[in-house]
Amino acid sequence: LRTAGDGAAAAAWLAARDLPEVTDPVALHALLVPVVG
């Protein structure tokens, strides 16, 4: 198994942030896109 990587996570965030269930896009971003550093 391999992870899809940051690009896939970012794409998922872009697609999901406009869903009515998402009340906090910033918090969703923190869950999906890991901080590199």
N, C-alpha and C. Protein backbone atom coordinates (compact mmCIF):
# COMPACT_ATOMS: atom_id res chain seq x y z
N LEU A 1 0.84 -1.19 0.00
CA LEU A 1 0.00 0.00 0.00
C LEU A 1 0.87 1.24 0.00
N ARG A 2 0.39 2.25 -0.69
CA ARG A 2 1.09 3.53 -0.73
C ARG A 2 0.09 4.65 -0.50
N THR A 3 0.56 5.73 0.08
CA THR A 3 -0.31 6.89 0.26
C THR A 3 -0.36 7.69 -1.03
N ALA A 4 -1.42 8.42 -1.20
CA ALA A 4 -1.58 9.20 -2.43
C ALA A 4 -0.72 10.45 -2.43
N GLY A 5 -0.40 10.94 -1.27
CA GLY A 5 0.47 12.12 -1.20
C GLY A 5 -0.29 13.41 -0.97
N ASP A 6 0.47 14.47 -0.79
CA ASP A 6 -0.09 15.78 -0.47
C ASP A 6 -0.99 16.32 -1.58
N GLY A 7 -0.65 16.04 -2.83
CA GLY A 7 -1.45 16.54 -3.94
C GLY A 7 -2.86 15.99 -3.92
N ALA A 8 -2.99 14.71 -3.61
CA ALA A 8 -4.32 14.11 -3.53
C ALA A 8 -5.09 14.65 -2.34
N ALA A 9 -4.42 14.86 -1.23
CA ALA A 9 -5.09 15.42 -0.06
C ALA A 9 -5.57 16.83 -0.34
N ALA A 10 -4.75 17.60 -1.02
CA ALA A 10 -5.14 18.97 -1.36
C ALA A 10 -6.33 18.96 -2.32
N ALA A 11 -6.33 18.05 -3.28
CA ALA A 11 -7.45 17.95 -4.21
C ALA A 11 -8.73 17.55 -3.49
N ALA A 12 -8.60 16.64 -2.52
CA ALA A 12 -9.77 16.23 -1.74
C ALA A 12 -10.31 17.41 -0.94
N TRP A 13 -9.42 18.22 -0.39
CA TRP A 13 -9.86 19.39 0.38
C TRP A 13 -10.57 20.39 -0.53
N LEU A 14 -10.01 20.63 -1.71
CA LEU A 14 -10.65 21.57 -2.63
C LEU A 14 -12.05 21.10 -3.02
N ALA A 15 -12.20 19.80 -3.21
CA ALA A 15 -13.50 19.26 -3.59
C ALA A 15 -14.49 19.29 -2.42
N ALA A 16 -14.00 19.04 -1.21
CA ALA A 16 -14.89 18.88 -0.06
C ALA A 16 -15.25 20.18 0.64
N ARG A 17 -14.45 21.21 0.46
CA ARG A 17 -14.67 22.43 1.26
C ARG A 17 -15.99 23.13 0.96
N ASP A 18 -16.58 22.88 -0.19
CA ASP A 18 -17.86 23.50 -0.53
C ASP A 18 -19.07 22.66 -0.17
N LEU A 19 -18.84 21.49 0.42
CA LEU A 19 -19.97 20.64 0.82
C LEU A 19 -20.72 21.30 1.98
N PRO A 20 -22.04 21.15 2.02
CA PRO A 20 -22.81 21.78 3.10
C PRO A 20 -22.44 21.26 4.49
N GLU A 21 -21.91 20.04 4.57
CA GLU A 21 -21.54 19.46 5.86
C GLU A 21 -20.27 20.08 6.43
N VAL A 22 -19.49 20.74 5.60
CA VAL A 22 -18.22 21.32 6.03
C VAL A 22 -18.49 22.71 6.58
N THR A 23 -18.37 22.84 7.89
CA THR A 23 -18.62 24.13 8.53
C THR A 23 -17.34 24.91 8.78
N ASP A 24 -16.19 24.22 8.74
CA ASP A 24 -14.91 24.88 8.99
C ASP A 24 -13.86 24.36 7.99
N PRO A 25 -13.75 25.01 6.83
CA PRO A 25 -12.80 24.54 5.81
C PRO A 25 -11.35 24.55 6.29
N VAL A 26 -11.00 25.46 7.19
CA VAL A 26 -9.63 25.52 7.70
C VAL A 26 -9.32 24.27 8.54
N ALA A 27 -10.25 23.87 9.39
CA ALA A 27 -10.06 22.67 10.19
C ALA A 27 -10.00 21.44 9.30
N LEU A 28 -10.82 21.40 8.26
CA LEU A 28 -10.80 20.28 7.32
C LEU A 28 -9.44 20.21 6.63
N HIS A 29 -8.89 21.35 6.25
CA HIS A 29 -7.57 21.40 5.61
C HIS A 29 -6.51 20.80 6.54
N ALA A 30 -6.57 21.15 7.82
CA ALA A 30 -5.60 20.64 8.78
C ALA A 30 -5.69 19.12 8.92
N LEU A 31 -6.87 18.58 8.77
CA LEU A 31 -7.05 17.12 8.86
C LEU A 31 -6.53 16.41 7.62
N LEU A 32 -6.71 17.00 6.47
CA LEU A 32 -6.39 16.33 5.21
C LEU A 32 -4.96 16.55 4.73
N VAL A 33 -4.44 17.75 4.93
CA VAL A 33 -3.13 18.09 4.37
C VAL A 33 -2.11 18.21 5.51
N PRO A 34 -1.19 17.26 5.59
CA PRO A 34 -0.21 17.29 6.68
C PRO A 34 0.77 18.45 6.52
N VAL A 35 1.22 18.95 7.64
CA VAL A 35 2.21 20.03 7.64
C VAL A 35 3.58 19.40 7.43
N VAL A 36 4.30 19.93 6.45
CA VAL A 36 5.64 19.43 6.15
C VAL A 36 6.65 20.38 6.77
N GLY A 37 7.60 19.83 7.50
CA GLY A 37 8.60 20.73 8.03
C GLY A 37 9.32 20.20 9.13
